[in-house]
Amino acid sequence: MKRITKRTFLITTLTTFITISLVPIATSVSASDYKQLPKPEWTYDVPTDTTTQIHSKNYYFTGNIFYPIVSEQTNSQTAYTFLYQSDRSTGKTKSVHSLLAIDDKTGKQKWIHKSPMPYNSFEIDQSGNVYYFDEVNSGNKKVYQLISLDSNNKPRWVKTFKEHFQFNILEDGRIAVITFTKDTSVITLYTKEGKPLIKREFPGHVRHIQGNYVGLLNSDAPRNTTTIDIYSIPTGKKIISAVQPQDHVNIVHADFEVLSGGTVIVPIYDAKMEVETLHGYKPNGEHKWIRPLPKPAQDAVFGTTYAHNMYDSLYVSLGNNYLIQEKNKLSLYNTNNQLIATKTFTDLPAQGLLQRLNDQSIVFGAVDKTQAWYDSSKPEPKKAAYYILDSDTLKIKNSFVIDDALFHQADVRFHDANTFYIQMSETIAKYILE
């Protein structure tokens, strides 16, 4: 069971995105607070013949998924990440995927839990609760289970389903379980304690869930389009239809984002114009504004599937604001499409990548890429620059720029404005910027 990947208007005028701006702060950044890494708080060595799971830790979808995931639940601070092992004990090669839990205070291993599936079926919420998918036999039939563990690897609850399902952990801790019929999707929301909240059936197959909204692929729409219908889960009402090019997939953006004040932002790609625009909607579906996105340095076109393969042009939601990245320039806008601040980073050694944190901070940084990110066996010294910013103002909270980094851009994960982790293939280290 794979995690659901996160995701009509023709552009007739550009004047509709022009709005009255707030007083913006436009600055260039090239200074740093730290010239060398501090001594690590701890370093953990993964078990023999095991590596951290590279492809999982490098899933940079809209700056959300970074490992290790760190929980700060009272008395159970735990850092989680995925492990991979190639087992040849039976004479045949077998992939073994596991979830590793580390005591975040001491760096000591708490436990390792093997995935029951031939892939990593785990998800973790911000409270440190673990959820995973399993298939078991019940009599002569197969049933499907969603199992929850606490941060000490003890069972919390089990939900059993007769049919195959997918699940998502939402940002507020609710769990969305999705089952499918031929033409519909049934969504059941649960609390983190496993209590059912709401169950609704929607036409189409789910593409993206965020907050109280779900986007579904409309199978009845014209075949030369990809139409995503966005519904309110509590009311069951359709509020927006987004018409994209045929077979449209965007590996950078979700199909929509929801700001904390309720504004829904939908990116629409015009294949003829080769322009992507953001459309802002009120919670009732009323159109508010439009803003074109900067064109990426490179677009990959595979048949009629359009996907950015460069992370130099994207947008993300930040509370009740949203941010646009244009190469190494960041621009912050409020829910009414008014510019709040801009910052350009002049000393990054490569294209910067964005990380969204849970303490009203964002991180923007890069590591020199002359050495491939997957070649970690003999890391070479290289430049690294990272800036931690206030997500409401883009003001700098902390930063470091070093010239002897022995890690890659994919290895760095910030937890908050002062704490970050460097996860190599065989080690994980915790650092604190005092």
Protein backbone atom coordinates (compact mmCIF):
# COMPACT_ATOMS: atom_id res chain seq x y z
CA MET A 1 0.00 0.00 0.00
CA LYS A 2 1.53 3.21 -1.11
CA ARG A 3 0.96 6.62 0.32
CA ILE A 4 -1.34 8.80 -1.70
CA THR A 5 0.62 11.40 -3.47
CA LYS A 6 -0.14 14.80 -2.63
CA ARG A 7 -1.76 17.32 -5.57
CA THR A 8 -11.00 25.60 -15.19
CA PHE A 9 -9.36 28.19 -16.08
CA LEU A 10 -7.78 29.49 -19.31
CA ILE A 11 -5.50 32.45 -18.87
CA THR A 12 -7.31 35.30 -20.54
CA THR A 13 -5.66 38.19 -18.76
CA LEU A 14 -2.78 38.86 -16.45
CA THR A 15 -4.33 41.93 -14.91
CA THR A 16 -6.44 39.87 -12.51
CA PHE A 17 -3.46 38.91 -10.36
CA ILE A 18 -2.36 42.50 -9.80
CA THR A 19 -3.24 43.39 -6.20
CA ILE A 20 -2.50 46.15 -3.75
CA SER A 21 0.69 45.03 -2.00
CA LEU A 22 1.60 45.39 1.60
CA VAL A 23 4.90 47.12 2.25
CA PRO A 24 7.27 44.32 1.17
CA ILE A 25 10.69 43.65 2.57
CA ALA A 26 13.09 42.75 -0.25
CA THR A 27 16.57 41.72 0.83
CA SER A 28 19.56 39.74 -0.34
CA VAL A 29 21.12 37.25 2.06
CA SER A 30 24.78 36.28 2.19
CA ALA A 31 25.81 36.27 5.86
CA SER A 32 25.84 33.45 8.41
CA ASP A 33 25.84 32.93 12.16
CA TYR A 34 27.86 29.70 12.10
CA LYS A 35 31.02 29.03 10.09
CA GLN A 36 31.37 25.42 11.24
CA LEU A 37 29.10 22.70 12.49
CA PRO A 38 28.71 22.36 16.26
CA LYS A 39 29.68 19.13 17.95
CA PRO A 40 26.89 16.57 17.50
CA GLU A 41 24.65 15.90 20.48
CA TRP A 42 24.78 12.24 19.56
CA THR A 43 25.57 9.94 16.64
CA TYR A 44 23.75 6.68 15.94
CA ASP A 45 25.26 3.89 13.82
CA VAL A 46 22.70 1.77 11.99
CA PRO A 47 22.89 -2.04 12.39
CA THR A 48 25.40 -4.02 10.33
CA ASP A 49 24.42 -4.66 6.69
CA THR A 50 21.62 -2.08 7.02
CA THR A 51 21.27 1.41 5.55
CA THR A 52 18.87 4.28 5.97
CA GLN A 53 16.30 4.17 3.20
CA ILE A 54 17.59 6.74 0.74
CA HIS A 55 14.52 7.06 -1.47
CA SER A 56 12.24 7.74 1.48
CA LYS A 57 14.41 10.40 3.04
CA ASN A 58 14.70 12.13 -0.33
CA TYR A 59 10.99 12.51 -0.92
CA TYR A 60 10.92 16.30 -1.15
CA PHE A 61 7.25 16.70 -2.00
CA THR A 62 6.38 20.34 -1.23
CA GLY A 63 8.89 20.45 1.57
CA ASN A 64 6.86 18.22 3.87
CA ILE A 65 8.44 14.79 4.17
CA PHE A 66 11.86 14.60 5.79
CA TYR A 67 13.39 11.85 7.88
CA PRO A 68 14.02 11.47 10.68
CA ILE A 69 10.60 12.57 11.87
CA VAL A 70 10.93 13.74 15.47
CA SER A 71 8.19 13.59 18.09
CA GLU A 72 8.25 15.81 21.18
CA GLN A 73 5.45 14.04 23.00
CA THR A 74 5.98 14.36 26.77
CA ASN A 75 8.43 11.78 28.14
CA SER A 76 8.73 10.03 24.79
CA GLN A 77 10.88 12.18 22.52
CA THR A 78 11.59 9.87 19.62
CA ALA A 79 13.28 10.21 16.25
CA TYR A 80 11.98 7.87 13.55
CA THR A 81 13.47 6.88 10.23
CA PHE A 82 13.35 4.02 7.73
CA LEU A 83 15.91 1.26 7.35
CA TYR A 84 16.61 -1.06 4.45
CA GLN A 85 18.34 -4.44 4.38
CA SER A 86 18.96 -6.92 1.60
CA ASP A 87 18.48 -10.34 3.22
CA ARG A 88 20.23 -13.27 1.52
CA SER A 89 19.95 -15.79 4.38
CA THR A 90 17.59 -18.06 2.42
CA GLY A 91 19.73 -18.06 -0.69
CA LYS A 92 17.40 -15.61 -2.38
CA THR A 93 17.63 -11.86 -2.09
CA LYS A 94 14.78 -10.41 -0.03
CA SER A 95 14.23 -6.73 0.68
CA VAL A 96 13.54 -6.02 4.36
CA HIS A 97 12.08 -2.63 5.28
CA SER A 98 11.93 -1.47 8.89
CA LEU A 99 11.06 1.50 11.06
CA LEU A 100 13.80 2.63 13.46
CA ALA A 101 12.99 4.51 16.68
CA ILE A 102 15.78 6.42 18.45
CA ASP A 103 15.63 8.09 21.87
CA ASP A 104 16.04 11.71 20.82
CA LYS A 105 17.64 12.70 24.13
CA THR A 106 20.39 10.07 24.17
CA GLY A 107 20.71 8.83 20.58
CA LYS A 108 20.24 5.24 21.72
CA GLN A 109 18.11 2.79 19.79
CA LYS A 110 14.66 2.23 21.28
CA TRP A 111 13.39 -0.40 18.87
CA ILE A 112 13.19 -1.61 15.28
CA HIS A 113 9.92 -2.84 13.78
CA LYS A 114 9.99 -4.76 10.49
CA SER A 115 7.37 -3.94 7.91
CA PRO A 116 5.06 -6.90 7.23
CA MET A 117 4.92 -5.83 3.59
CA PRO A 118 7.66 -5.95 0.91
CA TYR A 119 7.85 -2.15 1.17
CA ASN A 120 7.74 0.38 3.99
CA SER A 121 4.10 0.66 5.05
CA PHE A 122 4.67 2.97 8.06
CA GLU A 123 3.46 6.50 8.72
CA ILE A 124 4.14 8.62 11.83
CA ASP A 125 2.12 11.50 13.25
CA GLN A 126 3.55 14.52 15.04
CA SER A 127 2.74 13.00 18.45
CA GLY A 128 4.99 10.03 17.77
CA ASN A 129 2.24 7.51 17.09
CA VAL A 130 3.03 4.93 14.41
CA TYR A 131 0.57 3.55 11.87
CA TYR A 132 1.11 0.76 9.35
CA PHE A 133 -0.73 -1.43 6.86
CA ASP A 134 -0.85 -5.24 7.03
CA GLU A 135 -2.59 -8.14 5.29
CA VAL A 136 -3.58 -11.22 7.34
CA ASN A 137 -5.63 -14.35 6.80
CA SER A 138 -8.94 -14.74 8.61
CA GLY A 139 -10.18 -18.25 7.99
CA ASN A 140 -9.98 -18.77 4.24
CA LYS A 141 -10.17 -15.05 3.48
CA LYS A 142 -7.67 -12.23 3.50
CA VAL A 143 -8.41 -9.13 5.56
CA TYR A 144 -6.58 -5.81 5.73
CA GLN A 145 -5.52 -4.03 8.88
CA LEU A 146 -4.50 -0.57 10.00
CA ILE A 147 -2.38 -0.97 13.12
CA SER A 148 -1.30 1.79 15.49
CA LEU A 149 1.69 1.65 17.86
CA ASP A 150 2.89 4.11 20.48
CA SER A 151 6.44 5.47 20.69
CA ASN A 152 7.46 2.43 22.77
CA ASN A 153 6.34 -0.03 20.06
CA LYS A 154 3.27 -1.07 22.07
CA PRO A 155 -0.05 -1.65 20.24
CA ARG A 156 -2.63 1.13 20.58
CA TRP A 157 -5.44 -0.17 18.37
CA VAL A 158 -6.21 -2.20 15.23
CA LYS A 159 -8.82 -1.54 12.55
CA THR A 160 -9.75 -4.45 10.27
CA PHE A 161 -11.25 -4.02 6.80
CA LYS A 162 -12.64 -6.54 4.33
CA GLU A 163 -11.27 -4.64 1.35
CA HIS A 164 -7.92 -3.13 0.45
CA PHE A 165 -7.51 0.47 1.58
CA GLN A 166 -5.15 3.41 1.60
CA PHE A 167 -4.57 5.79 4.48
CA ASN A 168 -3.22 9.27 5.11
CA ILE A 169 -2.17 10.93 8.35
CA LEU A 170 -3.50 14.48 8.23
CA GLU A 171 -1.61 17.42 9.73
CA ASP A 172 -3.99 17.68 12.70
CA GLY A 173 -3.49 14.01 13.60
CA ARG A 174 -6.68 12.60 12.11
CA ILE A 175 -6.39 9.46 10.00
CA ALA A 176 -8.14 9.27 6.63
CA VAL A 177 -8.86 5.72 5.46
CA ILE A 178 -9.89 5.39 1.81
CA THR A 179 -11.54 2.37 0.20
CA PHE A 180 -12.49 2.21 -3.45
CA THR A 181 -15.30 0.93 -5.60
CA LYS A 182 -15.19 0.97 -9.38
CA ASP A 183 -16.25 4.61 -9.66
CA THR A 184 -16.19 6.02 -6.12
CA SER A 185 -14.01 6.53 -3.05
CA VAL A 186 -15.25 6.03 0.50
CA ILE A 187 -13.44 8.19 3.06
CA THR A 188 -13.60 7.49 6.79
CA LEU A 189 -11.93 9.91 9.20
CA TYR A 190 -10.70 8.66 12.58
CA THR A 191 -9.22 10.38 15.60
CA LYS A 192 -5.67 9.39 16.55
CA GLU A 193 -7.30 7.19 19.22
CA GLY A 194 -9.10 5.27 16.46
CA LYS A 195 -12.58 6.71 17.05
CA PRO A 196 -14.58 7.14 13.80
CA LEU A 197 -15.58 10.73 13.04
CA ILE A 198 -17.24 10.79 9.63
CA LYS A 199 -17.76 8.50 6.64
CA ARG A 200 -18.62 9.74 3.15
CA GLU A 201 -18.65 8.37 -0.38
CA PHE A 202 -17.42 10.58 -3.24
CA PRO A 203 -17.45 10.09 -7.02
CA GLY A 204 -14.02 9.45 -8.53
CA HIS A 205 -10.73 8.25 -7.09
CA VAL A 206 -8.82 10.21 -4.46
CA ARG A 207 -5.74 12.16 -5.56
CA HIS A 208 -5.12 14.39 -2.54
CA ILE A 209 -6.48 15.05 0.95
CA GLN A 210 -5.69 18.07 3.10
CA GLY A 211 -7.57 19.47 6.06
CA ASN A 212 -11.29 19.08 5.41
CA TYR A 213 -10.97 18.83 1.64
CA VAL A 214 -10.44 15.98 -0.79
CA GLY A 215 -9.51 16.13 -4.47
CA LEU A 216 -10.78 13.32 -6.71
CA LEU A 217 -10.11 12.40 -10.32
CA ASN A 218 -13.31 12.85 -12.32
CA SER A 219 -13.59 9.74 -14.51
CA ASP A 220 -16.55 11.21 -16.42
CA ALA A 221 -14.66 14.31 -17.58
CA PRO A 222 -13.46 14.60 -21.20
CA ARG A 223 -10.60 12.17 -21.83
CA ASN A 224 -8.34 14.92 -23.15
CA THR A 225 -8.30 16.54 -19.70
CA THR A 226 -7.40 15.67 -16.14
CA THR A 227 -10.22 17.09 -14.05
CA ILE A 228 -9.82 17.22 -10.27
CA ASP A 229 -13.02 17.85 -8.32
CA ILE A 230 -12.41 19.27 -4.84
CA TYR A 231 -15.04 18.47 -2.20
CA SER A 232 -15.66 19.52 1.39
CA ILE A 233 -15.45 16.33 3.44
CA PRO A 234 -17.79 17.53 6.26
CA THR A 235 -20.57 18.66 3.89
CA GLY A 236 -19.94 16.35 0.95
CA LYS A 237 -20.36 19.28 -1.45
CA LYS A 238 -18.18 19.95 -4.49
CA ILE A 239 -16.66 23.42 -4.33
CA ILE A 240 -14.05 23.55 -7.13
CA SER A 241 -13.30 21.77 -10.42
CA ALA A 242 -9.73 22.12 -11.66
CA VAL A 243 -9.16 21.21 -15.32
CA GLN A 244 -5.60 20.19 -16.17
CA PRO A 245 -3.95 18.78 -19.34
CA GLN A 246 -4.51 15.12 -20.16
CA ASP A 247 -2.68 12.72 -17.79
CA HIS A 248 -1.41 15.66 -15.76
CA VAL A 249 0.85 14.85 -12.83
CA ASN A 250 2.93 17.40 -10.96
CA ILE A 251 5.63 15.91 -8.72
CA VAL A 252 6.32 19.27 -7.06
CA HIS A 253 2.88 20.61 -6.13
CA ALA A 254 -0.10 18.92 -4.58
CA ASP A 255 -3.36 19.26 -6.52
CA PHE A 256 -4.35 21.95 -4.03
CA GLU A 257 -3.26 23.51 -0.73
CA VAL A 258 -5.43 24.87 2.09
CA LEU A 259 -4.41 27.94 4.10
CA SER A 260 -5.27 28.03 7.81
CA GLY A 261 -7.91 30.72 7.21
CA GLY A 262 -9.73 28.51 4.71
CA THR A 263 -8.46 29.81 1.36
CA VAL A 264 -7.94 26.96 -1.11
CA ILE A 265 -5.06 27.39 -3.58
CA VAL A 266 -5.13 25.40 -6.83
CA PRO A 267 -2.28 25.35 -9.41
CA ILE A 268 -3.54 25.14 -13.00
CA TYR A 269 -1.20 24.30 -15.89
CA ASP A 270 -1.95 25.63 -19.38
CA ALA A 271 -0.14 23.28 -21.78
CA LYS A 272 -0.55 25.56 -24.80
CA MET A 273 0.76 28.66 -23.06
CA GLU A 274 3.23 26.61 -20.96
CA VAL A 275 2.23 28.71 -17.97
CA GLU A 276 1.16 27.54 -14.53
CA THR A 277 -0.98 29.82 -12.38
CA LEU A 278 -2.21 29.75 -8.81
CA HIS A 279 -5.91 30.32 -8.22
CA GLY A 280 -7.20 31.31 -4.78
CA TYR A 281 -10.73 30.35 -3.72
CA LYS A 282 -12.90 31.06 -0.71
CA PRO A 283 -14.08 27.99 1.27
CA ASN A 284 -17.40 28.17 -0.62
CA GLY A 285 -15.61 27.92 -3.98
CA GLU A 286 -15.83 31.60 -4.92
CA HIS A 287 -12.81 32.65 -6.97
CA LYS A 288 -10.63 35.25 -5.19
CA TRP A 289 -7.46 35.85 -7.19
CA ILE A 290 -4.91 34.52 -9.69
CA ARG A 291 -1.11 34.69 -9.78
CA PRO A 292 1.24 33.17 -12.40
CA LEU A 293 4.05 30.99 -11.14
CA PRO A 294 7.59 31.56 -12.43
CA LYS A 295 8.54 29.10 -15.12
CA PRO A 296 10.97 26.41 -13.94
CA ALA A 297 14.42 26.19 -15.45
CA GLN A 298 13.44 22.88 -17.01
CA ASP A 299 10.18 21.08 -17.71
CA ALA A 300 10.05 17.38 -18.41
CA VAL A 301 7.34 16.37 -20.87
CA PHE A 302 6.66 12.65 -21.23
CA GLY A 303 3.92 12.28 -23.80
CA THR A 304 1.08 14.30 -22.33
CA THR A 305 2.28 14.03 -18.73
CA TYR A 306 3.63 17.32 -17.45
CA ALA A 307 5.90 17.24 -14.42
CA HIS A 308 8.52 19.60 -13.10
CA ASN A 309 11.80 17.81 -12.54
CA MET A 310 13.57 20.87 -11.17
CA TYR A 311 12.68 22.08 -7.67
CA ASP A 312 13.41 25.72 -8.53
CA SER A 313 9.84 26.91 -9.02
CA LEU A 314 7.14 25.93 -6.59
CA TYR A 315 4.68 27.18 -4.01
CA VAL A 316 3.81 26.00 -0.50
CA SER A 317 1.25 27.02 2.10
CA LEU A 318 2.57 28.55 5.33
CA GLY A 319 -0.22 28.97 7.85
CA ASN A 320 -2.54 31.59 6.41
CA ASN A 321 0.09 32.74 3.88
CA TYR A 322 1.70 31.10 0.88
CA LEU A 323 5.24 31.23 -0.46
CA ILE A 324 6.57 31.11 -4.02
CA GLN A 325 10.11 29.93 -4.72
CA GLU A 326 11.74 31.21 -7.90
CA LYS A 327 15.17 29.63 -8.05
CA ASN A 328 16.89 31.04 -4.94
CA LYS A 329 14.38 33.82 -4.36
CA LEU A 330 11.49 33.45 -1.93
CA SER A 331 8.35 35.62 -1.99
CA LEU A 332 5.73 35.49 0.76
CA TYR A 333 2.07 36.41 0.09
CA ASN A 334 -0.94 36.60 2.36
CA THR A 335 -4.31 34.95 1.88
CA ASN A 336 -5.49 37.89 -0.24
CA ASN A 337 -2.53 37.60 -2.65
CA GLN A 338 -0.71 40.62 -1.20
CA LEU A 339 3.09 40.56 -1.07
CA ILE A 340 4.50 40.49 2.47
CA ALA A 341 8.25 40.03 1.92
CA THR A 342 10.89 38.73 -0.48
CA LYS A 343 14.39 37.39 0.07
CA THR A 344 17.10 36.40 -2.41
CA PHE A 345 19.87 34.03 -1.31
CA THR A 346 23.10 34.88 -3.10
CA ASP A 347 25.54 32.46 -1.50
CA LEU A 348 23.84 29.11 -1.93
CA PRO A 349 26.18 26.65 -3.70
CA ALA A 350 23.29 24.99 -5.57
CA GLN A 351 19.55 25.22 -6.06
CA GLY A 352 18.02 25.70 -2.62
CA LEU A 353 15.45 23.31 -1.21
CA LEU A 354 12.69 24.25 1.18
CA GLN A 355 11.72 22.60 4.46
CA ARG A 356 8.60 23.55 6.42
CA LEU A 357 8.89 23.19 10.19
CA ASN A 358 6.31 23.06 12.96
CA ASP A 359 7.57 26.07 14.96
CA GLN A 360 6.53 28.78 12.47
CA SER A 361 9.85 28.45 10.69
CA ILE A 362 11.04 27.43 7.26
CA VAL A 363 14.50 26.35 6.15
CA PHE A 364 16.06 27.20 2.81
CA GLY A 365 19.48 25.86 1.92
CA ALA A 366 21.72 23.86 -0.36
CA VAL A 367 24.89 21.78 -0.52
CA ASP A 368 27.31 21.81 -3.44
CA LYS A 369 26.26 19.07 -5.87
CA THR A 370 29.54 18.30 -7.64
CA GLN A 371 29.35 14.92 -5.93
CA ALA A 372 26.15 12.93 -6.51
CA TRP A 373 23.80 12.81 -3.49
CA TYR A 374 23.57 9.01 -3.61
CA ASP A 375 27.38 8.61 -3.46
CA SER A 376 27.90 8.74 0.31
CA SER A 377 30.59 6.09 0.70
CA LYS A 378 33.42 8.62 0.38
CA PRO A 379 31.99 12.11 0.89
CA GLU A 380 34.15 14.98 -0.28
CA PRO A 381 34.36 18.36 1.54
CA LYS A 382 31.94 20.81 -0.02
CA LYS A 383 30.13 24.07 0.71
CA ALA A 384 26.80 24.03 2.53
CA ALA A 385 24.57 27.00 3.37
CA TYR A 386 21.31 26.91 5.34
CA TYR A 387 19.02 29.68 6.54
CA ILE A 388 16.21 29.31 9.08
CA LEU A 389 13.49 31.92 8.53
CA ASP A 390 10.38 33.11 10.32
CA SER A 391 7.53 31.81 8.16
CA ASP A 392 5.40 34.92 8.83
CA THR A 393 8.04 37.53 7.86
CA LEU A 394 11.01 35.73 6.21
CA LYS A 395 13.26 37.27 8.87
CA ILE A 396 16.36 35.15 9.58
CA LYS A 397 16.31 33.24 12.87
CA ASN A 398 19.52 31.28 12.40
CA SER A 399 21.97 30.19 9.72
CA PHE A 400 25.19 28.37 8.94
CA VAL A 401 27.54 28.46 5.97
CA ILE A 402 30.46 26.02 5.98
CA ASP A 403 33.06 25.01 3.41
CA ASP A 404 33.91 21.50 4.63
CA ALA A 405 30.56 19.72 4.67
CA LEU A 406 30.92 15.93 4.51
CA PHE A 407 27.26 15.37 3.71
CA HIS A 408 24.82 15.91 0.86
CA GLN A 409 21.79 18.13 0.50
CA ALA A 410 19.52 15.11 0.82
CA ASP A 411 21.04 14.25 4.20
CA VAL A 412 19.95 17.39 6.08
CA ARG A 413 16.67 17.59 7.99
CA PHE A 414 15.77 20.44 10.38
CA HIS A 415 13.35 19.82 13.25
CA ASP A 416 13.07 23.42 14.46
CA ALA A 417 14.98 26.68 14.17
CA ASN A 418 17.88 25.34 16.26
CA THR A 419 17.84 21.56 15.85
CA PHE A 420 18.76 19.54 12.80
CA TYR A 421 19.88 16.04 11.83
CA ILE A 422 22.33 14.74 9.27
CA GLN A 423 21.24 11.31 8.10
CA MET A 424 23.84 9.48 6.06
CA SER A 425 23.46 5.95 4.73
CA GLU A 426 24.94 4.37 7.88
CA THR A 427 24.81 7.11 10.55
CA ILE A 428 22.37 9.64 11.97
CA ALA A 429 23.66 12.63 13.96
CA LYS A 430 21.79 15.31 15.90
CA TYR A 431 23.01 18.92 16.06
CA ILE A 432 21.86 22.00 17.97
CA LEU A 433 22.63 25.58 16.98
CA GLU A 434 22.90 27.35 20.34
